[in-house]
C-alpha atoms as a PDB file:
ATOM      1  CA  MET A   1      12.853  13.838   6.619  1.00  0.00           C
ATOM      2  CA  ARG A   2      15.195  13.373   3.698  1.00  0.00           C
ATOM      3  CA  LYS A   3      14.310  10.864   0.980  1.00  0.00           C
ATOM      4  CA  ARG A   4      16.852   8.238   0.069  1.00  0.00           C
ATOM      5  CA  LYS A   5      17.785   8.108  -3.572  1.00  0.00           C
ATOM      6  CA  ILE A   6      17.975   4.566  -4.923  1.00  0.00           C
ATOM      7  CA  GLU A   7      19.838   3.813  -8.096  1.00  0.00           C
ATOM      8  CA  ILE A   8      18.311   1.088 -10.208  1.00  0.00           C
ATOM      9  CA  LYS A   9      20.482  -0.181 -13.023  1.00  0.00           C
ATOM     10  CA  ASN A  10      17.955  -2.153 -15.046  1.00  0.00           C
ATOM     11  CA  LEU A  11      14.364  -3.334 -15.240  1.00  0.00           C
ATOM     12  CA  LYS A  12      15.147  -6.739 -13.740  1.00  0.00           C
ATOM     13  CA  GLU A  13      16.567  -5.162 -10.605  1.00  0.00           C
ATOM     14  CA  CYS A  14      13.544  -2.860 -10.372  1.00  0.00           C
ATOM     15  CA  LYS A  15      11.120  -5.798 -10.497  1.00  0.00           C
ATOM     16  CA  GLN A  16      13.139  -7.663  -7.862  1.00  0.00           C
ATOM     17  CA  ARG A  17      12.988  -4.667  -5.512  1.00  0.00           C
ATOM     18  CA  ILE A  18       9.217  -4.376  -5.986  1.00  0.00           C
ATOM     19  CA  ARG A  19       8.704  -8.096  -5.306  1.00  0.00           C
ATOM     20  CA  LYS A  20      10.880  -7.893  -2.193  1.00  0.00           C
ATOM     21  CA  ASN A  21       8.950  -4.881  -0.883  1.00  0.00           C
ATOM     22  CA  GLU A  22       5.605  -6.567  -1.581  1.00  0.00           C
ATOM     23  CA  ARG A  23       6.647  -9.621   0.415  1.00  0.00           C
ATOM     24  CA  LEU A  24       7.826  -7.465   3.303  1.00  0.00           C
ATOM     25  CA  ILE A  25       4.669  -5.348   3.305  1.00  0.00           C
ATOM     26  CA  ALA A  26       1.994  -7.890   2.605  1.00  0.00           C
ATOM     27  CA  GLY A  27       3.205 -11.464   2.506  1.00  0.00           C
ATOM     28  CA  ASP A  28       0.404 -13.518   0.968  1.00  0.00           C
ATOM     29  CA  LEU A  29      -2.354 -11.275   2.315  1.00  0.00           C
ATOM     30  CA  TYR A  30      -2.201  -8.868  -0.638  1.00  0.00           C
ATOM     31  CA  TRP A  31      -1.600  -9.576  -4.320  1.00  0.00           C
ATOM     32  CA  ASN A  32       0.071  -7.317  -6.861  1.00  0.00           C
ATOM     33  CA  SER A  33      -1.792  -6.349 -10.023  1.00  0.00           C
ATOM     34  CA  CYS A  34      -0.195  -9.144 -12.095  1.00  0.00           C
ATOM     35  CA  LYS A  35      -1.291 -11.894  -9.713  1.00  0.00           C
ATOM     36  CA  ALA A  36      -4.754 -10.336  -9.266  1.00  0.00           C
ATOM     37  CA  ALA A  37      -5.283 -10.085 -13.039  1.00  0.00           C
ATOM     38  CA  GLU A  38      -4.189 -13.698 -13.449  1.00  0.00           C
ATOM     39  CA  HIS A  39      -6.664 -14.774 -10.727  1.00  0.00           C
ATOM     40  CA  LEU A  40      -9.540 -13.061 -12.563  1.00  0.00           C
ATOM     41  CA  GLY A  41      -8.385 -14.183 -16.014  1.00  0.00           C
ATOM     42  CA  ILE A  42      -8.177 -10.624 -17.354  1.00  0.00           C
ATOM     43  CA  GLY A  43      -5.462  -8.235 -18.453  1.00  0.00           C
ATOM     44  CA  LYS A  44      -3.623  -5.886 -16.129  1.00  0.00           C
ATOM     45  CA  THR A  45      -5.019  -2.826 -17.942  1.00  0.00           C
ATOM     46  CA  THR A  46      -8.587  -4.092 -17.517  1.00  0.00           C
ATOM     47  CA  LEU A  47      -7.937  -4.675 -13.817  1.00  0.00           C
ATOM     48  CA  LEU A  48      -6.704  -1.115 -13.344  1.00  0.00           C
ATOM     49  CA  GLY A  49      -9.829   0.080 -15.174  1.00  0.00           C
ATOM     50  CA  TYR A  50     -11.907  -1.836 -12.622  1.00  0.00           C
ATOM     51  CA  CYS A  51     -10.130   0.172  -9.897  1.00  0.00           C
ATOM     52  CA  LYS A  52     -11.550   3.365 -11.408  1.00  0.00           C
ATOM     53  CA  ASN A  53     -15.018   1.738 -11.390  1.00  0.00           C
ATOM     54  CA  GLY A  54     -15.008   0.872  -7.702  1.00  0.00           C
ATOM     55  CA  LEU A  55     -12.766  -2.169  -7.176  1.00  0.00           C
ATOM     56  CA  SER A  56     -11.205  -1.921  -3.707  1.00  0.00           C
ATOM     57  CA  HIS A  57      -7.425  -1.658  -3.801  1.00  0.00           C
ATOM     58  CA  LEU A  58      -4.475  -0.427  -1.798  1.00  0.00           C
ATOM     59  CA  LYS A  59      -1.942   1.850  -3.450  1.00  0.00           C
ATOM     60  CA  LEU A  60       1.543   2.173  -2.011  1.00  0.00           C
ATOM     61  CA  GLY A  61       3.480   4.611  -4.160  1.00  0.00           C
ATOM     62  CA  ASN A  62       3.256   3.129  -7.629  1.00  0.00           C
ATOM     63  CA  ILE A  63       2.382  -0.378  -6.412  1.00  0.00           C
ATOM     64  CA  VAL A  64      -1.295  -1.388  -6.490  1.00  0.00           C
ATOM     65  CA  MET A  65      -2.262  -4.240  -4.161  1.00  0.00           C
ATOM     66  CA  PHE A  66      -5.459  -6.303  -3.877  1.00  0.00           C
ATOM     67  CA  LYS A  67      -6.960  -8.784  -1.435  1.00  0.00           C
ATOM     68  CA  ARG A  68      -8.495 -11.916  -2.899  1.00  0.00           C
ATOM     69  CA  GLU A  69     -11.722 -11.218  -1.007  1.00  0.00           C
ATOM     70  CA  TRP A  70     -11.997  -7.776  -2.634  1.00  0.00           C
ATOM     71  CA  LEU A  71     -11.562  -9.260  -6.120  1.00  0.00           C
ATOM     72  CA  ASP A  72     -14.098 -12.026  -5.588  1.00  0.00           C
ATOM     73  CA  ALA A  73     -16.660  -9.655  -4.037  1.00  0.00           C
ATOM     74  CA  TYR A  74     -16.302  -7.160  -6.910  1.00  0.00           C
ATOM     75  CA  ILE A  75     -16.829  -9.836  -9.564  1.00  0.00           C
ATOM     76  CA  GLU A  76     -19.734 -11.400  -7.665  1.00  0.00           C
ATOM     77  CA  GLU A  77     -21.488  -8.019  -7.410  1.00  0.00           C
ATOM     78  CA  ARG A  78     -21.263  -7.544 -11.165  1.00  0.00           C
ATOM     79  CA  THR A  79     -22.114 -11.087 -12.238  1.00  0.00           C
ATOM     80  CA  ARG A  80     -25.610 -11.558 -13.548  1.00  0.00           C
ATOM     81  CA  ILE A  81     -27.042 -15.051 -13.600  1.00  0.00           C
ATOM     82  CA  GLN A  82     -29.272 -15.524 -16.591  1.00  0.00           C
ATOM     83  CA  THR A  83     -32.138 -17.996 -16.317  1.00  0.00           C
ATOM     84  CA  TYR A  84     -33.435 -20.068 -19.222  1.00  0.00           C
ATOM     85  CA  ARG A  85     -36.508 -17.850 -19.669  1.00  0.00           C
ATOM     86  CA  GLU A  86     -34.429 -14.660 -19.829  1.00  0.00           C
ATOM     87  CA  ALA A  87     -32.250 -16.171 -22.539  1.00  0.00           C
ATOM     88  CA  LYS A  88     -35.211 -16.630 -24.939  1.00  0.00           C
END
């Protein structure tokens, strides 16, 4: 199977192609790293660090995708609720 070579003229066109592919592949079921980071209120670099520490993700080429359920479950597992007595 021969790979198709795609010419991309600028960064804007590249981002548009990625967005188009994400919509075709996932619709609203999966989020890209920008939307996932925004949902968690963290930076994109921090989010990708979480991937190395066990956050479930789907990688398609150079695109990393997340489900909302995976993000919420990961954060809930690592959240520690501190009671009043522990705070003293």
